[in-house]
């Protein structure tokens, strides 16, 4: 639905590719950004924080 897609793009700072990844309500970006965080050693801490 167009309304849901527009809301998602707004929440994702204009990102329209899928998937748009959020961790703990923080916009990460797409798959490339997720792999970049992992390569920098930052992904695990984000996931650990989200798991609480």
N, C-alpha and C. Protein backbone atom coordinates (compact mmCIF):
# COMPACT_ATOMS: atom_id res chain seq x y z
N UNK A 1 0.83 -1.18 0.00
CA UNK A 1 0.00 0.00 0.00
C UNK A 1 0.88 1.25 0.00
N UNK A 2 0.47 2.21 -0.79
CA UNK A 2 1.29 3.42 -0.98
C UNK A 2 1.53 4.18 0.31
N UNK A 3 0.51 4.28 1.16
CA UNK A 3 0.66 5.01 2.41
C UNK A 3 1.71 4.34 3.31
N UNK A 4 1.65 3.04 3.44
CA UNK A 4 2.61 2.31 4.27
C UNK A 4 4.02 2.45 3.70
N UNK A 5 4.14 2.39 2.38
CA UNK A 5 5.45 2.52 1.74
C UNK A 5 6.02 3.93 1.98
N UNK A 6 5.18 4.94 1.88
CA UNK A 6 5.64 6.31 2.13
C UNK A 6 6.04 6.52 3.58
N UNK A 7 5.30 5.93 4.51
CA UNK A 7 5.65 6.02 5.93
C UNK A 7 7.00 5.35 6.18
N UNK A 8 7.22 4.21 5.56
CA UNK A 8 8.47 3.49 5.74
C UNK A 8 9.64 4.29 5.15
N UNK A 9 9.45 4.89 3.99
CA UNK A 9 10.50 5.69 3.38
C UNK A 9 10.84 6.89 4.25
N UNK A 10 9.82 7.49 4.85
CA UNK A 10 10.06 8.62 5.75
C UNK A 10 10.86 8.16 6.96
N UNK A 11 10.47 7.05 7.53
CA UNK A 11 11.16 6.51 8.70
C UNK A 11 12.60 6.10 8.37
N UNK A 12 12.82 5.69 7.14
CA UNK A 12 14.14 5.22 6.70
C UNK A 12 14.94 6.34 6.03
N UNK A 13 14.61 7.57 6.36
CA UNK A 13 15.33 8.73 5.81
C UNK A 13 15.36 8.72 4.28
N UNK A 14 14.25 8.35 3.67
CA UNK A 14 14.14 8.36 2.21
C UNK A 14 14.53 7.07 1.53
N UNK A 15 15.07 6.12 2.28
CA UNK A 15 15.48 4.85 1.69
C UNK A 15 14.28 4.07 1.17
N UNK A 16 14.35 3.62 -0.06
CA UNK A 16 13.23 2.88 -0.64
C UNK A 16 13.62 1.47 -1.07
N UNK A 17 14.89 1.13 -0.96
CA UNK A 17 15.27 -0.24 -1.29
C UNK A 17 14.87 -1.15 -0.13
N UNK A 18 14.70 -2.40 -0.42
CA UNK A 18 14.35 -3.36 0.63
C UNK A 18 15.45 -4.39 0.75
N UNK A 19 15.72 -4.87 1.92
CA UNK A 19 15.08 -4.46 3.17
C UNK A 19 15.72 -3.19 3.72
N UNK A 20 14.95 -2.42 4.47
CA UNK A 20 15.47 -1.34 5.29
C UNK A 20 15.54 -1.92 6.69
N UNK A 21 16.70 -1.89 7.28
CA UNK A 21 16.96 -2.60 8.54
C UNK A 21 16.96 -1.63 9.70
N UNK A 22 16.23 -2.01 10.74
CA UNK A 22 16.17 -1.25 11.98
C UNK A 22 16.60 -2.18 13.10
N UNK A 23 17.44 -1.68 14.00
CA UNK A 23 17.82 -2.44 15.19
C UNK A 23 17.52 -1.55 16.38
N UNK A 24 16.66 -2.05 17.26
CA UNK A 24 16.28 -1.30 18.46
C UNK A 24 15.73 0.08 18.06
N UNK A 25 14.90 0.08 17.02
CA UNK A 25 14.24 1.28 16.49
C UNK A 25 15.22 2.30 15.90
N UNK A 26 16.45 1.89 15.63
CA UNK A 26 17.46 2.75 15.00
C UNK A 26 17.62 2.30 13.55
N UNK A 27 17.49 3.24 12.62
CA UNK A 27 17.63 2.91 11.21
C UNK A 27 19.09 2.61 10.89
N UNK A 28 19.34 1.41 10.37
CA UNK A 28 20.68 0.97 10.01
C UNK A 28 20.94 1.24 8.53
N UNK A 29 19.95 1.01 7.72
CA UNK A 29 20.09 1.16 6.27
C UNK A 29 19.72 -0.15 5.60
N UNK A 30 20.40 -0.45 4.52
CA UNK A 30 20.15 -1.68 3.79
C UNK A 30 21.18 -2.75 4.12
N UNK A 31 21.20 -3.75 3.29
CA UNK A 31 22.10 -4.89 3.50
C UNK A 31 23.57 -4.46 3.48
N UNK A 32 23.93 -3.57 2.56
CA UNK A 32 25.33 -3.13 2.48
C UNK A 32 25.77 -2.46 3.78
N UNK A 33 24.90 -1.63 4.35
CA UNK A 33 25.24 -0.96 5.61
C UNK A 33 25.34 -1.95 6.76
N UNK A 34 24.49 -2.97 6.74
CA UNK A 34 24.55 -4.00 7.77
C UNK A 34 25.88 -4.75 7.71
N UNK A 35 26.29 -5.14 6.49
CA UNK A 35 27.58 -5.82 6.34
C UNK A 35 28.74 -4.90 6.72
N UNK A 36 28.61 -3.61 6.43
CA UNK A 36 29.65 -2.65 6.80
C UNK A 36 29.80 -2.59 8.32
N UNK A 37 28.68 -2.52 9.03
CA UNK A 37 28.74 -2.51 10.50
C UNK A 37 29.40 -3.78 11.03
N UNK A 38 29.05 -4.91 10.43
CA UNK A 38 29.63 -6.18 10.85
C UNK A 38 31.14 -6.18 10.60
N UNK A 39 31.55 -5.70 9.44
CA UNK A 39 32.97 -5.65 9.10
C UNK A 39 33.77 -4.74 10.02
N UNK A 40 33.11 -3.71 10.55
CA UNK A 40 33.77 -2.78 11.48
C UNK A 40 33.70 -3.26 12.93
N UNK A 41 33.04 -4.41 13.14
CA UNK A 41 32.92 -4.95 14.49
C UNK A 41 31.89 -4.24 15.35
N UNK A 42 30.94 -3.54 14.72
CA UNK A 42 29.95 -2.77 15.47
C UNK A 42 28.58 -3.45 15.55
N UNK A 43 28.34 -4.42 14.71
CA UNK A 43 27.02 -5.04 14.65
C UNK A 43 26.69 -5.81 15.92
N UNK A 44 27.62 -6.58 16.41
CA UNK A 44 27.36 -7.42 17.58
C UNK A 44 26.92 -6.58 18.78
N UNK A 45 27.57 -5.44 19.01
CA UNK A 45 27.19 -4.62 20.16
C UNK A 45 25.80 -4.03 19.98
N UNK A 46 25.42 -3.66 18.75
CA UNK A 46 24.07 -3.17 18.51
C UNK A 46 23.04 -4.25 18.81
N UNK A 47 23.33 -5.47 18.37
CA UNK A 47 22.40 -6.57 18.60
C UNK A 47 22.33 -6.94 20.08
N UNK A 48 23.46 -6.89 20.77
CA UNK A 48 23.49 -7.18 22.20
C UNK A 48 22.67 -6.15 22.97
N UNK A 49 22.82 -4.88 22.62
CA UNK A 49 22.05 -3.82 23.27
C UNK A 49 20.56 -4.01 23.02
N UNK A 50 20.21 -4.38 21.80
CA UNK A 50 18.80 -4.56 21.45
C UNK A 50 18.19 -5.74 22.20
N UNK A 51 19.00 -6.77 22.46
CA UNK A 51 18.51 -7.94 23.17
C UNK A 51 18.30 -7.65 24.65
N UNK A 52 18.96 -6.58 25.12
CA UNK A 52 18.76 -6.08 26.46
C UNK A 52 19.34 -6.90 27.53
